[in-house]
């Protein structure tokens, strides 16, 4: 009876390690997805407002200094 308990414990350990490994891989994949999404948003922002093809978002550059044609897409009131 002790042998069955040891096998069951080993199975639980393997299942736990598998779940932890999958959680870590999911976290890494989600983090990479966030980086890609942030780069896409930065690219659209830079193209629309600054006219530059760049994947890096500059928080210190304000579009009011560099108004380009992208401001047409910023109408929030629906007019």
Protein backbone atom coordinates (compact mmCIF):
# COMPACT_ATOMS: atom_id res chain seq x y z
CA UNK A 1 0.00 0.00 0.00
CA UNK A 2 2.93 2.32 0.55
CA UNK A 3 4.06 1.83 -3.07
CA UNK A 4 0.73 3.08 -4.40
CA UNK A 5 0.93 6.18 -2.19
CA UNK A 6 4.44 6.96 -3.42
CA UNK A 7 3.39 6.64 -7.06
CA UNK A 8 0.40 8.87 -6.48
CA UNK A 9 2.59 11.46 -4.76
CA UNK A 10 5.06 11.39 -7.67
CA UNK A 11 2.19 11.89 -10.12
CA UNK A 12 0.93 14.87 -8.13
CA UNK A 13 4.41 16.39 -8.10
CA UNK A 14 4.73 15.97 -11.88
CA UNK A 15 1.28 17.47 -12.45
CA UNK A 16 2.14 20.40 -10.19
CA UNK A 17 5.42 21.02 -11.98
CA UNK A 18 3.62 20.87 -15.33
CA UNK A 19 1.04 23.44 -14.20
CA UNK A 20 3.73 25.75 -12.79
CA UNK A 21 5.73 25.45 -16.02
CA UNK A 22 2.67 26.23 -18.13
CA UNK A 23 1.85 29.24 -15.95
CA UNK A 24 5.39 30.58 -16.35
CA UNK A 25 5.29 30.07 -20.12
CA UNK A 26 1.91 31.79 -20.30
CA UNK A 27 3.27 34.74 -18.34
CA UNK A 28 6.28 35.05 -20.64
CA UNK A 29 4.08 34.85 -23.76
CA UNK A 30 1.71 37.46 -22.34
CA UNK A 31 4.62 39.78 -21.52
CA UNK A 32 5.95 39.48 -25.06
CA UNK A 33 2.47 40.16 -26.42
CA UNK A 34 2.27 43.31 -24.32
CA UNK A 35 5.60 44.51 -25.71
CA UNK A 36 4.43 43.89 -29.28
CA UNK A 37 1.12 45.67 -28.65
CA UNK A 38 2.88 48.65 -27.07
CA UNK A 39 5.19 48.84 -30.08
CA UNK A 40 2.20 48.80 -32.43
CA UNK A 41 0.49 51.60 -30.49
CA UNK A 42 3.75 53.59 -30.50
CA UNK A 43 4.10 53.08 -34.25
CA UNK A 44 0.57 54.30 -34.94
CA UNK A 45 1.06 57.25 -32.60
CA UNK A 46 4.36 58.25 -34.14
CA UNK A 47 3.07 57.92 -37.70
CA UNK A 48 -0.13 59.83 -36.99
CA UNK A 49 1.19 62.68 -34.91
CA UNK A 50 4.92 62.94 -35.52
CA UNK A 51 5.24 61.56 -39.03
CA UNK A 52 8.06 59.20 -37.99
CA UNK A 53 8.27 55.44 -38.56
CA UNK A 54 9.42 54.37 -35.11
CA UNK A 55 8.34 51.67 -32.64
CA UNK A 56 9.54 53.58 -29.57
CA UNK A 57 6.98 55.76 -27.80
CA UNK A 58 8.33 59.09 -26.60
CA UNK A 59 6.27 60.38 -23.69
CA UNK A 60 7.94 63.80 -23.76
CA UNK A 61 6.94 64.63 -27.35
CA UNK A 62 3.49 66.13 -27.49
CA UNK A 63 1.44 66.06 -30.69
CA UNK A 64 0.35 69.69 -30.27
CA UNK A 65 3.83 70.73 -31.37
CA UNK A 66 3.81 68.47 -34.42
CA UNK A 67 0.21 68.39 -35.62
CA UNK A 68 0.01 66.27 -38.75
CA UNK A 69 -2.83 64.67 -40.67
CA UNK A 70 -3.30 62.07 -37.92
CA UNK A 71 -5.26 64.58 -35.87
CA UNK A 72 -8.23 63.92 -38.15
CA UNK A 73 -8.63 60.56 -36.41
CA UNK A 74 -8.83 62.10 -32.94
CA UNK A 75 -12.33 63.48 -33.11
CA UNK A 76 -14.07 62.21 -30.00
CA UNK A 77 -17.37 64.04 -30.37
CA UNK A 78 -18.33 62.20 -33.58
CA UNK A 79 -18.50 65.29 -35.78
